[in-house]
């Protein structure tokens, strides 16, 4: 039998909050009800997501997740990112909601993916098709450690453990890593610092990445990463000092 379609049903604390978030990303609300239970349907082309409201639901406790295989992972991420920047002036990279950048996933046979963590705490995991998987043996050195950190930070949501893993790898491999792989590792470390609301860490790792010497080929290879770094650094670059009250 063919022609089946699976539609995920995911929890949230507010169907209107969920609808607003997905509308921001370019989805359309096609159905909403309040009784006998809150329910909303959001659609974007062939992607349909259904949500049900749960009184007292805590997004940080959610186990809701689904996998979406898409034909062009970069095009979709860019579309989401443009709308997020238009609405918020930046990419949301920490807290709930947030979005991760497209990266190869060691725990998904090296296929590229990114995740949207919505206001319900649901992980919508977007992935490229199997033909995106790299050929040859798995990388070692700093790139191999970066792939392990991505599993911790992006797939499992443990940014603290991912940061410790990557810090160790940077101490061990930074002097011998290629410039492009070093930029990518430092960029991810800056993103992990942002998720922890570690403003000095964000500034440190962004500065280190920007100081890596790149030739013309390296700049082309790292263009997307460097653009993402500038986007990441902006909210942390010039935060005003708190004003002390008068004595």
C-alpha atoms as a PDB file:
ATOM      1  CA  UNK A   1       0.000   0.000   0.000  1.00  0.00           C
ATOM      2  CA  UNK A   2       1.244   3.503  -0.814  1.00  0.00           C
ATOM      3  CA  UNK A   3       0.100   7.076  -0.303  1.00  0.00           C
ATOM      4  CA  UNK A   4       0.217   7.042   3.488  1.00  0.00           C
ATOM      5  CA  UNK A   5       0.981  10.257   5.358  1.00  0.00           C
ATOM      6  CA  UNK A   6       2.009  10.717   8.971  1.00  0.00           C
ATOM      7  CA  UNK A   7       1.092  13.915  10.818  1.00  0.00           C
ATOM      8  CA  UNK A   8       2.625  14.540  14.269  1.00  0.00           C
ATOM      9  CA  UNK A   9       0.412  15.676  17.172  1.00  0.00           C
ATOM     10  CA  UNK A  10       2.500  17.709  19.602  1.00  0.00           C
ATOM     11  CA  UNK A  11       1.775  19.263  23.009  1.00  0.00           C
ATOM     12  CA  UNK A  12       1.941  22.927  23.950  1.00  0.00           C
ATOM     13  CA  UNK A  13       0.778  25.235  26.728  1.00  0.00           C
ATOM     14  CA  UNK A  14      -0.976  27.641  24.341  1.00  0.00           C
ATOM     15  CA  UNK A  15      -2.182  26.953  20.814  1.00  0.00           C
ATOM     16  CA  UNK A  16      -2.201  30.682  20.079  1.00  0.00           C
ATOM     17  CA  UNK A  17       1.438  31.042  21.184  1.00  0.00           C
ATOM     18  CA  UNK A  18       2.361  28.112  18.941  1.00  0.00           C
ATOM     19  CA  UNK A  19       0.358  29.548  16.020  1.00  0.00           C
ATOM     20  CA  UNK A  20       2.118  32.907  16.361  1.00  0.00           C
ATOM     21  CA  UNK A  21       5.547  31.298  16.337  1.00  0.00           C
ATOM     22  CA  UNK A  22       4.922  29.142  13.281  1.00  0.00           C
ATOM     23  CA  UNK A  23       3.229  32.013  11.459  1.00  0.00           C
ATOM     24  CA  UNK A  24       6.444  33.951  12.000  1.00  0.00           C
ATOM     25  CA  UNK A  25       8.321  31.099  10.263  1.00  0.00           C
ATOM     26  CA  UNK A  26       5.993  31.205   7.247  1.00  0.00           C
ATOM     27  CA  UNK A  27       3.337  28.643   8.177  1.00  0.00           C
ATOM     28  CA  UNK A  28      -0.405  29.216   7.823  1.00  0.00           C
ATOM     29  CA  UNK A  29      -2.988  28.377  10.456  1.00  0.00           C
ATOM     30  CA  UNK A  30      -5.581  26.181   8.742  1.00  0.00           C
ATOM     31  CA  UNK A  31      -7.639  25.063  11.747  1.00  0.00           C
ATOM     32  CA  UNK A  32      -8.221  26.084  15.356  1.00  0.00           C
ATOM     33  CA  UNK A  33     -10.616  24.977  18.057  1.00  0.00           C
ATOM     34  CA  UNK A  34     -10.943  25.818  21.739  1.00  0.00           C
ATOM     35  CA  UNK A  35     -13.458  23.162  22.862  1.00  0.00           C
ATOM     36  CA  UNK A  36     -13.682  20.391  23.819  1.00  0.00           C
ATOM     37  CA  UNK A  37      -9.905  20.799  23.837  1.00  0.00           C
ATOM     38  CA  UNK A  38      -7.549  23.411  22.413  1.00  0.00           C
ATOM     39  CA  UNK A  39      -6.166  22.345  19.027  1.00  0.00           C
ATOM     40  CA  UNK A  40      -4.461  24.087  16.116  1.00  0.00           C
ATOM     41  CA  UNK A  41      -3.104  23.012  12.721  1.00  0.00           C
ATOM     42  CA  UNK A  42      -0.175  24.795  11.076  1.00  0.00           C
ATOM     43  CA  UNK A  43       0.830  24.143   7.463  1.00  0.00           C
ATOM     44  CA  UNK A  44       3.670  25.136   5.162  1.00  0.00           C
ATOM     45  CA  UNK A  45       3.393  23.532   1.726  1.00  0.00           C
ATOM     46  CA  UNK A  46       3.357  19.758   2.398  1.00  0.00           C
ATOM     47  CA  UNK A  47       4.495  20.111   6.002  1.00  0.00           C
ATOM     48  CA  UNK A  48       1.572  19.804   8.435  1.00  0.00           C
ATOM     49  CA  UNK A  49       2.004  20.086  12.219  1.00  0.00           C
ATOM     50  CA  UNK A  50      -0.871  19.597  14.682  1.00  0.00           C
ATOM     51  CA  UNK A  51      -0.748  20.845  18.283  1.00  0.00           C
ATOM     52  CA  UNK A  52      -2.956  20.279  21.298  1.00  0.00           C
ATOM     53  CA  UNK A  53      -3.038  22.481  24.393  1.00  0.00           C
ATOM     54  CA  UNK A  54      -2.353  21.090  27.870  1.00  0.00           C
ATOM     55  CA  UNK A  55      -3.145  23.242  30.937  1.00  0.00           C
ATOM     56  CA  UNK A  56      -0.094  23.583  33.175  1.00  0.00           C
ATOM     57  CA  UNK A  57       2.235  22.159  30.506  1.00  0.00           C
ATOM     58  CA  UNK A  58       5.930  23.091  30.930  1.00  0.00           C
ATOM     59  CA  UNK A  59       7.804  23.431  27.597  1.00  0.00           C
ATOM     60  CA  UNK A  60      11.135  22.645  29.244  1.00  0.00           C
ATOM     61  CA  UNK A  61       9.750  19.235  30.241  1.00  0.00           C
ATOM     62  CA  UNK A  62       8.516  18.353  26.744  1.00  0.00           C
ATOM     63  CA  UNK A  63       9.528  15.165  24.976  1.00  0.00           C
ATOM     64  CA  UNK A  64       7.648  16.160  21.807  1.00  0.00           C
ATOM     65  CA  UNK A  65       9.655  15.659  18.626  1.00  0.00           C
ATOM     66  CA  UNK A  66       9.340  14.718  14.977  1.00  0.00           C
ATOM     67  CA  UNK A  67      11.634  14.231  12.007  1.00  0.00           C
ATOM     68  CA  UNK A  68      11.082  16.052   8.707  1.00  0.00           C
ATOM     69  CA  UNK A  69      13.101  15.015   5.625  1.00  0.00           C
ATOM     70  CA  UNK A  70      13.379  17.924   3.187  1.00  0.00           C
ATOM     71  CA  UNK A  71      14.826  18.184  -0.345  1.00  0.00           C
ATOM     72  CA  UNK A  72      16.891  21.355   0.297  1.00  0.00           C
ATOM     73  CA  UNK A  73      17.974  21.779   3.907  1.00  0.00           C
ATOM     74  CA  UNK A  74      19.870  25.043   3.340  1.00  0.00           C
ATOM     75  CA  UNK A  75      17.026  26.708   1.440  1.00  0.00           C
ATOM     76  CA  UNK A  76      14.565  25.901   4.226  1.00  0.00           C
ATOM     77  CA  UNK A  77      16.902  27.078   6.985  1.00  0.00           C
ATOM     78  CA  UNK A  78      17.577  30.329   5.119  1.00  0.00           C
ATOM     79  CA  UNK A  79      13.838  30.936   4.727  1.00  0.00           C
ATOM     80  CA  UNK A  80      13.213  30.375   8.442  1.00  0.00           C
ATOM     81  CA  UNK A  81      16.241  32.483   9.405  1.00  0.00           C
ATOM     82  CA  UNK A  82      15.173  35.425   7.237  1.00  0.00           C
ATOM     83  CA  UNK A  83      11.710  35.493   8.796  1.00  0.00           C
ATOM     84  CA  UNK A  84      13.119  35.109  12.311  1.00  0.00           C
ATOM     85  CA  UNK A  85      15.509  38.006  11.758  1.00  0.00           C
ATOM     86  CA  UNK A  86      12.689  40.132  10.358  1.00  0.00           C
ATOM     87  CA  UNK A  87      10.538  39.463  13.428  1.00  0.00           C
ATOM     88  CA  UNK A  88      13.178  39.529  16.158  1.00  0.00           C
ATOM     89  CA  UNK A  89      16.176  41.300  14.659  1.00  0.00           C
ATOM     90  CA  UNK A  90      18.302  38.189  15.225  1.00  0.00           C
ATOM     91  CA  UNK A  91      18.278  34.407  15.182  1.00  0.00           C
ATOM     92  CA  UNK A  92      16.923  32.868  18.373  1.00  0.00           C
ATOM     93  CA  UNK A  93      19.777  30.593  19.467  1.00  0.00           C
ATOM     94  CA  UNK A  94      19.157  30.173  23.206  1.00  0.00           C
ATOM     95  CA  UNK A  95      16.245  29.305  25.455  1.00  0.00           C
ATOM     96  CA  UNK A  96      12.800  28.334  24.195  1.00  0.00           C
ATOM     97  CA  UNK A  97      12.031  28.913  21.347  1.00  0.00           C
ATOM     98  CA  UNK A  98      15.260  28.698  19.355  1.00  0.00           C
ATOM     99  CA  UNK A  99      16.759  27.274  16.146  1.00  0.00           C
ATOM    100  CA  UNK A 100      20.046  25.487  15.502  1.00  0.00           C
ATOM    101  CA  UNK A 101      22.174  25.891  12.372  1.00  0.00           C
ATOM    102  CA  UNK A 102      22.460  23.173   9.696  1.00  0.00           C
ATOM    103  CA  UNK A 103      25.293  20.811  10.590  1.00  0.00           C
ATOM    104  CA  UNK A 104      26.245  17.259   9.782  1.00  0.00           C
ATOM    105  CA  UNK A 105      24.944  14.825  12.394  1.00  0.00           C
ATOM    106  CA  UNK A 106      27.261  12.003  13.415  1.00  0.00           C
ATOM    107  CA  UNK A 107      24.302  10.166  14.934  1.00  0.00           C
ATOM    108  CA  UNK A 108      22.426  10.424  11.617  1.00  0.00           C
ATOM    109  CA  UNK A 109      25.147   8.925   9.393  1.00  0.00           C
ATOM    110  CA  UNK A 110      26.614  12.353   8.726  1.00  0.00           C
ATOM    111  CA  UNK A 111      23.497  13.755   7.068  1.00  0.00           C
ATOM    112  CA  UNK A 112      23.002  17.519   7.488  1.00  0.00           C
ATOM    113  CA  UNK A 113      20.201  18.733   9.726  1.00  0.00           C
ATOM    114  CA  UNK A 114      18.953  21.508  11.964  1.00  0.00           C
ATOM    115  CA  UNK A 115      16.268  21.774  14.628  1.00  0.00           C
ATOM    116  CA  UNK A 116      13.510  24.196  15.522  1.00  0.00           C
ATOM    117  CA  UNK A 117      12.632  24.111  19.208  1.00  0.00           C
ATOM    118  CA  UNK A 118       9.211  25.738  19.376  1.00  0.00           C
ATOM    119  CA  UNK A 119       7.418  27.474  22.294  1.00  0.00           C
ATOM    120  CA  UNK A 120       5.977  24.113  23.324  1.00  0.00           C
ATOM    121  CA  UNK A 121       9.498  22.703  23.753  1.00  0.00           C
ATOM    122  CA  UNK A 122       8.941  20.395  20.764  1.00  0.00           C
ATOM    123  CA  UNK A 123      11.992  19.544  18.666  1.00  0.00           C
ATOM    124  CA  UNK A 124      11.150  19.658  14.947  1.00  0.00           C
ATOM    125  CA  UNK A 125      14.216  18.018  13.440  1.00  0.00           C
ATOM    126  CA  UNK A 126      14.771  18.870   9.771  1.00  0.00           C
ATOM    127  CA  UNK A 127      17.164  16.627   7.874  1.00  0.00           C
ATOM    128  CA  UNK A 128      18.450  16.246   4.339  1.00  0.00           C
ATOM    129  CA  UNK A 129      17.970  13.009   2.424  1.00  0.00           C
ATOM    130  CA  UNK A 130      20.301  10.028   2.662  1.00  0.00           C
ATOM    131  CA  UNK A 131      22.163  11.113  -0.486  1.00  0.00           C
ATOM    132  CA  UNK A 132      23.613  13.991   1.578  1.00  0.00           C
ATOM    133  CA  UNK A 133      25.695  11.538   3.649  1.00  0.00           C
ATOM    134  CA  UNK A 134      29.452  12.019   3.155  1.00  0.00           C
ATOM    135  CA  UNK A 135      31.581   9.307   1.597  1.00  0.00           C
ATOM    136  CA  UNK A 136      34.680   7.861   3.219  1.00  0.00           C
ATOM    137  CA  UNK A 137      35.688   7.277   6.837  1.00  0.00           C
ATOM    138  CA  UNK A 138      34.461   9.472   9.680  1.00  0.00           C
ATOM    139  CA  UNK A 139      36.742  12.461  10.330  1.00  0.00           C
ATOM    140  CA  UNK A 140      39.027  12.610  13.337  1.00  0.00           C
ATOM    141  CA  UNK A 141      40.834  15.447  15.073  1.00  0.00           C
ATOM    142  CA  UNK A 142      38.985  18.674  15.720  1.00  0.00           C
ATOM    143  CA  UNK A 143      36.276  17.991  13.129  1.00  0.00           C
ATOM    144  CA  UNK A 144      35.548  14.600  14.671  1.00  0.00           C
ATOM    145  CA  UNK A 145      35.280  16.201  18.100  1.00  0.00           C
ATOM    146  CA  UNK A 146      33.014  18.891  16.682  1.00  0.00           C
ATOM    147  CA  UNK A 147      30.677  16.217  15.310  1.00  0.00           C
ATOM    148  CA  UNK A 148      30.551  14.614  18.766  1.00  0.00           C
ATOM    149  CA  UNK A 149      29.794  17.995  20.329  1.00  0.00           C
ATOM    150  CA  UNK A 150      26.969  18.566  17.841  1.00  0.00           C
ATOM    151  CA  UNK A 151      25.393  15.282  18.935  1.00  0.00           C
ATOM    152  CA  UNK A 152      25.511  16.501  22.541  1.00  0.00           C
ATOM    153  CA  UNK A 153      24.434  20.074  21.896  1.00  0.00           C
ATOM    154  CA  UNK A 154      22.040  19.914  18.962  1.00  0.00           C
ATOM    155  CA  UNK A 155      20.613  16.401  19.053  1.00  0.00           C
ATOM    156  CA  UNK A 156      20.419  15.938  22.836  1.00  0.00           C
ATOM    157  CA  UNK A 157      20.184  19.580  23.935  1.00  0.00           C
ATOM    158  CA  UNK A 158      23.059  19.255  26.447  1.00  0.00           C
ATOM    159  CA  UNK A 159      24.992  22.432  25.620  1.00  0.00           C
ATOM    160  CA  UNK A 160      27.079  22.296  28.814  1.00  0.00           C
ATOM    161  CA  UNK A 161      28.505  18.856  28.037  1.00  0.00           C
ATOM    162  CA  UNK A 162      28.994  19.846  24.399  1.00  0.00           C
ATOM    163  CA  UNK A 163      30.972  22.914  25.498  1.00  0.00           C
ATOM    164  CA  UNK A 164      33.244  20.861  27.777  1.00  0.00           C
ATOM    165  CA  UNK A 165      33.884  18.346  24.995  1.00  0.00           C
ATOM    166  CA  UNK A 166      34.719  21.069  22.491  1.00  0.00           C
ATOM    167  CA  UNK A 167      36.918  23.014  24.944  1.00  0.00           C
ATOM    168  CA  UNK A 168      39.008  19.882  25.459  1.00  0.00           C
ATOM    169  CA  UNK A 169      39.270  19.317  21.705  1.00  0.00           C
ATOM    170  CA  UNK A 170      40.292  22.911  21.047  1.00  0.00           C
ATOM    171  CA  UNK A 171      43.072  22.705  23.627  1.00  0.00           C
ATOM    172  CA  UNK A 172      44.288  19.495  22.012  1.00  0.00           C
ATOM    173  CA  UNK A 173      43.899  20.246  18.301  1.00  0.00           C
ATOM    174  CA  UNK A 174      43.768  24.020  17.785  1.00  0.00           C
ATOM    175  CA  UNK A 175      47.463  24.319  16.866  1.00  0.00           C
ATOM    176  CA  UNK A 176      47.243  21.630  14.165  1.00  0.00           C
ATOM    177  CA  UNK A 177      43.697  22.129  12.836  1.00  0.00           C
ATOM    178  CA  UNK A 178      43.068  23.512   9.375  1.00  0.00           C
ATOM    179  CA  UNK A 179      41.827  27.121   9.290  1.00  0.00           C
ATOM    180  CA  UNK A 180      38.323  26.322   7.986  1.00  0.00           C
ATOM    181  CA  UNK A 181      37.713  23.523  10.515  1.00  0.00           C
ATOM    182  CA  UNK A 182      39.009  25.767  13.311  1.00  0.00           C
ATOM    183  CA  UNK A 183      36.585  28.531  12.328  1.00  0.00           C
ATOM    184  CA  UNK A 184      33.704  26.044  12.328  1.00  0.00           C
ATOM    185  CA  UNK A 185      34.643  24.680  15.759  1.00  0.00           C
ATOM    186  CA  UNK A 186      35.048  28.149  17.291  1.00  0.00           C
ATOM    187  CA  UNK A 187      31.753  29.248  15.763  1.00  0.00           C
ATOM    188  CA  UNK A 188      29.929  26.336  17.335  1.00  0.00           C
ATOM    189  CA  UNK A 189      31.625  27.030  20.671  1.00  0.00           C
ATOM    190  CA  UNK A 190      30.377  30.634  20.435  1.00  0.00           C
ATOM    191  CA  UNK A 191      26.859  29.343  19.768  1.00  0.00           C
ATOM    192  CA  UNK A 192      27.043  27.080  22.810  1.00  0.00           C
ATOM    193  CA  UNK A 193      28.118  30.091  24.889  1.00  0.00           C
ATOM    194  CA  UNK A 194      25.098  31.999  23.573  1.00  0.00           C
ATOM    195  CA  UNK A 195      22.769  29.198  24.655  1.00  0.00           C
ATOM    196  CA  UNK A 196      24.255  29.497  28.143  1.00  0.00           C
ATOM    197  CA  UNK A 197      23.768  33.306  28.059  1.00  0.00           C
ATOM    198  CA  UNK A 198      27.556  33.600  28.486  1.00  0.00           C
ATOM    199  CA  UNK A 199      28.146  36.986  26.838  1.00  0.00           C
ATOM    200  CA  UNK A 200      31.932  37.115  27.535  1.00  0.00           C
ATOM    201  CA  UNK A 201      32.251  33.607  26.104  1.00  0.00           C
ATOM    202  CA  UNK A 202      30.366  34.588  22.955  1.00  0.00           C
ATOM    203  CA  UNK A 203      32.631  37.596  22.418  1.00  0.00           C
ATOM    204  CA  UNK A 204      35.775  35.539  23.098  1.00  0.00           C
ATOM    205  CA  UNK A 205      35.012  32.725  20.670  1.00  0.00           C
ATOM    206  CA  UNK A 206      33.683  35.041  17.967  1.00  0.00           C
ATOM    207  CA  UNK A 207      36.881  37.102  18.193  1.00  0.00           C
ATOM    208  CA  UNK A 208      39.040  33.986  18.034  1.00  0.00           C
ATOM    209  CA  UNK A 209      37.170  32.736  14.978  1.00  0.00           C
ATOM    210  CA  UNK A 210      37.474  36.076  13.214  1.00  0.00           C
ATOM    211  CA  UNK A 211      41.233  36.125  13.849  1.00  0.00           C
ATOM    212  CA  UNK A 212      41.858  32.785  12.111  1.00  0.00           C
ATOM    213  CA  UNK A 213      43.861  33.530   8.923  1.00  0.00           C
ATOM    214  CA  UNK A 214      41.939  32.374   5.848  1.00  0.00           C
ATOM    215  CA  UNK A 215      42.997  32.398   2.223  1.00  0.00           C
ATOM    216  CA  UNK A 216      40.481  33.100  -0.546  1.00  0.00           C
ATOM    217  CA  UNK A 217      39.338  29.482  -0.749  1.00  0.00           C
ATOM    218  CA  UNK A 218      38.991  29.361   3.029  1.00  0.00           C
ATOM    219  CA  UNK A 219      36.906  32.523   3.091  1.00  0.00           C
ATOM    220  CA  UNK A 220      34.578  31.072   0.473  1.00  0.00           C
ATOM    221  CA  UNK A 221      34.296  27.798   2.379  1.00  0.00           C
ATOM    222  CA  UNK A 222      33.617  29.614   5.659  1.00  0.00           C
ATOM    223  CA  UNK A 223      31.417  32.411   4.289  1.00  0.00           C
ATOM    224  CA  UNK A 224      28.208  31.035   5.771  1.00  0.00           C
ATOM    225  CA  UNK A 225      29.844  30.387   9.132  1.00  0.00           C
ATOM    226  CA  UNK A 226      31.325  33.883   9.308  1.00  0.00           C
ATOM    227  CA  UNK A 227      27.955  35.430   8.455  1.00  0.00           C
ATOM    228  CA  UNK A 228      26.330  33.356  11.194  1.00  0.00           C
ATOM    229  CA  UNK A 229      29.027  34.502  13.631  1.00  0.00           C
ATOM    230  CA  UNK A 230      28.251  38.168  13.004  1.00  0.00           C
ATOM    231  CA  UNK A 231      24.573  37.428  13.441  1.00  0.00           C
ATOM    232  CA  UNK A 232      25.284  35.575  16.682  1.00  0.00           C
ATOM    233  CA  UNK A 233      27.589  38.248  18.098  1.00  0.00           C
ATOM    234  CA  UNK A 234      25.294  41.239  17.542  1.00  0.00           C
ATOM    235  CA  UNK A 235      23.062  40.848  20.638  1.00  0.00           C
ATOM    236  CA  UNK A 236      26.112  40.311  22.865  1.00  0.00           C
ATOM    237  CA  UNK A 237      28.466  42.949  21.451  1.00  0.00           C
ATOM    238  CA  UNK A 238      27.416  46.129  23.178  1.00  0.00           C
ATOM    239  CA  UNK A 239      25.234  45.424  26.146  1.00  0.00           C
ATOM    240  CA  UNK A 240      25.033  48.482  28.406  1.00  0.00           C
ATOM    241  CA  UNK A 241      26.438  48.272  31.918  1.00  0.00           C
ATOM    242  CA  UNK A 242      23.815  48.352  34.668  1.00  0.00           C
ATOM    243  CA  UNK A 243      23.299  51.769  36.243  1.00  0.00           C
ATOM    244  CA  UNK A 244      24.051  51.906  39.946  1.00  0.00           C
ATOM    245  CA  UNK A 245      21.388  53.604  42.023  1.00  0.00           C
ATOM    246  CA  UNK A 246      22.350  56.850  43.668  1.00  0.00           C
ATOM    247  CA  UNK A 247      23.467  56.592  47.283  1.00  0.00           C
END
